[in-house]
Amino acid sequence: MAYQYQTHVDHSILFTPTSGTSKDTWKDWRIVPTTRPVVNPPEANIIMDMIPGATEALDTSEAVGDMVTYGIREGSWEFQVINKTLWSTVYSTIMNFLQGKLMKVTLTDDPGYYYTGRCQVNQWQSDPDASRITIDYKLNPYKYAAQDTSEPWKWDPFSFIDGVIPTGFQAVEISDTATTINIPAPIMPVSPTLIITTSDNSDVTVVTSGSKWAGNGTYTFPKGTTTNPDIVMRESAGTIRITCAAGVTGTVTVKYRGGSL
């Protein structure tokens, strides 16, 4: 059956380079996925070894960092190219933009998140009605939230099924009485950035606490923007408590980008 030309196609993919303009597979290249695009899941790094004489395997899957880690996501997407466009032009256009370059990859079916990694054109197949192009991908294991907690919220990428609107993270007033900011359980491990202002430019005391977090403890943070890589929020809800010096006031913004598998 001949392919029916369409003026609108759902299920496209948006590729965004580290610098420059994004490209949409349908709007910019007029290529249509042969099936709904999905990204394959990452493989968990499971390390289990049988010890001679033992009845159970020695499981060291969480030996490093006390958490499960994951490999890269690998797979491919197949698209049809409508033969109203010279196939060789489309082929070169896509390769010039995409081939092996670092990209953000957003599925329009899942606009609240993006992936990062590299993609490349694998092969081109042609028939009388429509040509086909295959794009391979290698992406990092976690998909990243389209917005971080410091950005004004946008409804366009929000998911009404599993989306969470981050509140209470921006320009929170602080003083010499401890202010507590509640952090929902992050799926992806992340170190928060604190953006601090104080009325006399003095330091503040920061206390972090989460049952599965790394780096729980008491820290001194200066005015300005600070990220402490020793503090890693992960897998459990927790709190960040900020206290100014006596008589001092200010604000704090807790900035981090959530992620999911």
Protein backbone atom coordinates (compact mmCIF):
# COMPACT_ATOMS: atom_id res chain seq x y z
CA MET A 1 0.00 0.00 0.00
CA ALA A 2 1.32 3.45 -0.88
CA TYR A 3 2.14 5.65 2.08
CA GLN A 4 -0.45 8.38 2.64
CA TYR A 5 1.17 11.80 3.02
CA GLN A 6 0.20 13.55 6.26
CA THR A 7 0.30 17.16 7.37
CA HIS A 8 0.68 16.28 11.05
CA VAL A 9 2.40 13.37 12.77
CA ASP A 10 2.47 12.52 16.48
CA HIS A 11 5.30 10.61 18.15
CA SER A 12 8.19 12.60 16.74
CA ILE A 13 11.64 13.07 18.32
CA LEU A 14 13.36 16.37 19.06
CA PHE A 15 17.16 16.48 18.81
CA THR A 16 18.91 19.40 20.52
CA PRO A 17 22.68 19.93 20.05
CA THR A 18 24.90 21.47 22.73
CA SER A 19 24.76 24.68 20.68
CA GLY A 20 22.47 25.60 17.85
CA THR A 21 18.85 24.97 16.90
CA SER A 22 16.80 21.86 17.70
CA LYS A 23 15.44 19.66 14.93
CA ASP A 24 12.11 17.81 14.99
CA THR A 25 12.00 14.57 13.00
CA TRP A 26 8.65 15.48 11.43
CA LYS A 27 8.55 19.27 11.34
CA ASP A 28 12.10 19.70 10.04
CA TRP A 29 12.89 16.45 8.20
CA ARG A 30 9.46 15.06 7.30
CA ILE A 31 10.31 11.58 8.51
CA VAL A 32 7.69 9.42 10.23
CA PRO A 33 8.41 6.67 12.80
CA THR A 34 7.29 3.23 11.68
CA THR A 35 6.34 2.46 15.31
CA ARG A 36 5.88 4.68 18.36
CA PRO A 37 9.40 5.73 19.44
CA VAL A 38 10.57 4.47 22.82
CA VAL A 39 13.99 4.35 24.46
CA ASN A 40 15.18 0.93 25.58
CA PRO A 41 15.74 0.50 29.32
CA PRO A 42 19.26 0.49 30.75
CA GLU A 43 20.68 -2.78 32.02
CA ALA A 44 21.34 -2.88 35.74
CA ASN A 45 24.94 -3.64 36.65
CA ILE A 46 24.24 -6.83 38.61
CA ILE A 47 27.30 -8.59 39.97
CA MET A 48 26.57 -11.98 41.55
CA ASP A 49 29.19 -14.70 41.90
CA MET A 50 28.84 -18.20 43.30
CA ILE A 51 31.39 -19.14 45.92
CA PRO A 52 32.36 -22.85 45.99
CA GLY A 53 30.49 -24.53 48.81
CA ALA A 54 28.08 -21.63 49.36
CA THR A 55 24.32 -21.90 48.94
CA GLU A 56 23.84 -18.31 47.84
CA ALA A 57 25.70 -16.04 45.45
CA LEU A 58 27.94 -13.25 46.66
CA ASP A 59 26.07 -10.12 45.56
CA THR A 60 28.31 -7.05 45.17
CA SER A 61 25.94 -5.10 42.91
CA GLU A 62 25.74 -2.22 45.42
CA ALA A 63 29.30 -2.45 46.75
CA VAL A 64 30.31 0.86 45.12
CA GLY A 65 28.29 3.81 46.35
CA ASP A 66 25.76 1.61 48.17
CA MET A 67 23.39 1.77 45.19
CA VAL A 68 22.51 0.00 41.94
CA THR A 69 24.13 1.50 38.85
CA TYR A 70 23.08 1.14 35.23
CA GLY A 71 24.60 0.82 31.80
CA ILE A 72 23.87 2.95 28.76
CA ARG A 73 20.64 2.71 26.80
CA GLU A 74 21.15 1.32 23.30
CA GLY A 75 18.74 0.85 20.44
CA SER A 76 17.44 2.31 17.20
CA TRP A 77 14.44 4.05 15.65
CA GLU A 78 13.19 3.42 12.13
CA PHE A 79 11.52 6.18 10.13
CA GLN A 80 9.81 6.44 6.78
CA VAL A 81 10.84 9.27 4.48
CA ILE A 82 8.10 10.56 2.23
CA ASN A 83 9.37 10.44 -1.34
CA LYS A 84 8.21 13.98 -2.09
CA THR A 85 11.67 15.01 -0.94
CA LEU A 86 14.88 13.97 -2.66
CA TRP A 87 16.08 11.13 -0.44
CA SER A 88 19.77 11.94 -0.84
CA THR A 89 19.15 15.48 0.43
CA VAL A 90 17.33 14.23 3.53
CA TYR A 91 19.99 11.58 4.15
CA SER A 92 22.84 14.09 4.09
CA THR A 93 20.89 16.73 6.04
CA ILE A 94 20.23 14.34 8.93
CA MET A 95 23.78 12.99 9.02
CA ASN A 96 25.31 16.48 8.90
CA PHE A 97 23.22 17.47 11.92
CA LEU A 98 23.26 14.26 13.95
CA GLN A 99 26.09 11.91 13.19
CA GLY A 100 27.88 11.00 16.43
CA LYS A 101 27.27 14.38 18.05
CA LEU A 102 26.26 14.95 21.67
CA MET A 103 22.51 15.62 21.83
CA LYS A 104 19.56 16.11 24.09
CA VAL A 105 16.84 13.76 22.87
CA THR A 106 13.18 14.43 23.70
CA LEU A 107 10.29 12.16 22.76
CA THR A 108 7.23 14.30 22.06
CA ASP A 109 5.19 11.58 23.83
CA ASP A 110 7.21 12.28 27.00
CA PRO A 111 7.95 16.05 26.88
CA GLY A 112 8.65 16.39 30.60
CA TYR A 113 12.01 14.62 30.25
CA TYR A 114 14.99 14.44 27.92
CA TYR A 115 17.85 11.98 27.39
CA THR A 116 21.49 12.78 26.66
CA GLY A 117 23.90 10.87 24.46
CA ARG A 118 24.91 10.31 20.87
CA CYS A 119 23.01 9.18 17.79
CA GLN A 120 23.94 8.26 14.25
CA VAL A 121 22.33 7.20 11.00
CA ASN A 122 22.75 3.45 10.58
CA GLN A 123 21.27 2.64 7.21
CA TRP A 124 18.97 3.73 4.43
CA GLN A 125 16.48 1.48 2.63
CA SER A 126 14.34 2.47 -0.32
CA ASP A 127 11.16 1.18 -1.98
CA PRO A 128 8.87 2.69 -4.65
CA ASP A 129 6.61 4.51 -2.19
CA ALA A 130 8.75 5.47 0.80
CA SER A 131 12.35 5.20 1.88
CA ARG A 132 13.36 4.11 5.38
CA ILE A 133 16.09 5.45 7.59
CA THR A 134 17.38 3.92 10.83
CA ILE A 135 18.89 6.07 13.58
CA ASP A 136 20.90 4.29 16.30
CA TYR A 137 21.27 5.76 19.79
CA LYS A 138 23.50 5.37 22.83
CA LEU A 139 22.08 7.36 25.73
CA ASN A 140 22.82 7.80 29.42
CA PRO A 141 20.76 5.61 31.77
CA TYR A 142 18.62 8.32 33.37
CA LYS A 143 16.24 10.68 31.63
CA TYR A 144 16.40 14.23 32.99
CA ALA A 145 13.53 16.50 34.01
CA ALA A 146 12.94 19.21 31.41
CA GLN A 147 13.03 21.85 34.16
CA ASP A 148 15.13 22.15 37.29
CA THR A 149 13.74 23.33 40.60
CA SER A 150 14.97 26.92 40.14
CA GLU A 151 13.03 27.54 36.91
CA PRO A 152 9.54 29.05 36.63
CA TRP A 153 7.11 26.20 36.09
CA LYS A 154 5.77 25.57 32.56
CA TRP A 155 2.61 23.62 31.84
CA ASP A 156 3.58 22.53 28.31
CA PRO A 157 5.89 19.64 29.31
CA PHE A 158 3.92 18.70 32.46
CA SER A 159 2.58 15.15 32.75
CA PHE A 160 -0.83 14.91 34.40
CA ILE A 161 -0.18 11.21 34.99
CA ASP A 162 3.06 11.21 37.00
CA GLY A 163 4.29 14.80 36.93
CA VAL A 164 5.30 16.59 40.14
CA ILE A 165 5.31 20.39 40.38
CA PRO A 166 8.32 21.42 42.53
CA THR A 167 7.35 24.08 45.05
CA GLY A 168 9.13 25.67 47.98
CA PHE A 169 12.58 25.72 46.39
CA GLN A 170 12.90 29.27 45.04
CA ALA A 171 13.96 32.35 47.04
CA VAL A 172 12.91 30.85 50.38
CA GLU A 173 13.36 33.34 53.24
CA ILE A 174 15.97 32.35 55.83
CA SER A 175 17.01 33.83 59.18
CA ASP A 176 18.73 32.93 62.44
CA THR A 177 15.86 30.51 63.06
CA ALA A 178 16.38 27.30 61.09
CA THR A 179 14.40 27.03 57.84
CA THR A 180 13.66 23.50 56.65
CA ILE A 181 13.21 22.62 52.98
CA ASN A 182 11.65 19.24 52.28
CA ILE A 183 13.07 17.25 49.36
CA PRO A 184 10.94 14.48 47.79
CA ALA A 185 12.75 11.20 47.20
CA PRO A 186 14.97 11.61 44.11
CA ILE A 187 15.09 8.63 41.75
CA MET A 188 18.35 9.78 40.17
CA PRO A 189 21.23 10.62 42.53
CA VAL A 190 21.93 14.35 42.44
CA SER A 191 23.92 16.97 44.35
CA PRO A 192 21.88 20.12 45.04
CA THR A 193 23.13 23.63 44.33
CA LEU A 194 22.30 26.28 46.93
CA ILE A 195 21.98 29.90 45.81
CA ILE A 196 22.25 32.01 48.96
CA THR A 197 21.85 35.68 49.76
CA THR A 198 22.39 37.17 53.23
CA SER A 199 21.86 40.68 54.55
CA ASP A 200 25.50 41.04 55.67
CA ASN A 201 27.18 38.66 53.17
CA SER A 202 27.93 36.18 55.96
CA ASP A 203 28.03 32.37 55.73
CA VAL A 204 25.11 30.13 56.65
CA THR A 205 24.92 26.73 58.34
CA VAL A 206 23.44 23.92 56.25
CA VAL A 207 22.34 20.57 57.67
CA THR A 208 21.35 17.76 55.31
CA SER A 209 19.43 14.65 56.32
CA GLY A 210 18.05 11.75 54.26
CA SER A 211 17.99 8.09 55.24
CA LYS A 212 19.70 6.97 52.01
CA TRP A 213 21.52 10.17 51.15
CA ALA A 214 25.29 10.36 51.03
CA GLY A 215 27.10 13.09 52.91
CA ASN A 216 24.54 13.76 55.63
CA GLY A 217 25.98 16.32 58.02
CA THR A 218 26.55 19.96 58.90
CA TYR A 219 28.25 22.33 56.46
CA THR A 220 29.12 25.99 56.16
CA PHE A 221 28.03 27.56 52.88
CA PRO A 222 29.06 31.05 51.73
CA LYS A 223 26.86 33.64 50.10
CA GLY A 224 26.45 32.91 46.38
CA THR A 225 26.12 29.68 44.43
CA THR A 226 27.59 26.50 45.94
CA THR A 227 27.43 22.81 45.03
CA ASN A 228 29.00 20.32 47.43
CA PRO A 229 29.57 16.99 45.60
CA ASP A 230 29.82 15.18 48.94
CA ILE A 231 26.07 15.73 49.40
CA VAL A 232 24.16 13.29 47.20
CA MET A 233 20.38 13.12 47.45
CA ARG A 234 19.00 9.74 46.39
CA GLU A 235 16.25 7.14 46.86
CA SER A 236 14.66 8.67 49.96
CA ALA A 237 12.97 11.89 50.98
CA GLY A 238 15.02 14.22 53.16
CA THR A 239 15.53 17.75 54.38
CA ILE A 240 17.93 20.64 53.96
CA ARG A 241 17.97 22.98 56.97
CA ILE A 242 19.53 26.44 56.67
CA THR A 243 20.36 28.83 59.52
CA CYS A 244 21.85 32.33 59.30
CA ALA A 245 24.04 33.98 61.91
CA ALA A 246 22.33 35.89 64.72
CA GLY A 247 20.30 38.84 63.43
CA VAL A 248 20.93 37.99 59.76
CA THR A 249 18.26 37.36 57.11
CA GLY A 250 18.41 36.22 53.51
CA THR A 251 17.09 33.85 50.89
CA VAL A 252 18.00 30.44 49.53
CA THR A 253 17.12 28.70 46.30
CA VAL A 254 17.68 24.95 46.16
CA LYS A 255 18.48 24.02 42.56
CA TYR A 256 18.68 20.52 41.17
CA ARG A 257 17.40 18.61 38.15
CA GLY A 258 15.46 15.46 38.86
CA GLY A 259 15.67 12.33 36.78
CA SER A 260 14.02 8.97 36.27
CA LEU A 261 14.60 5.62 34.60
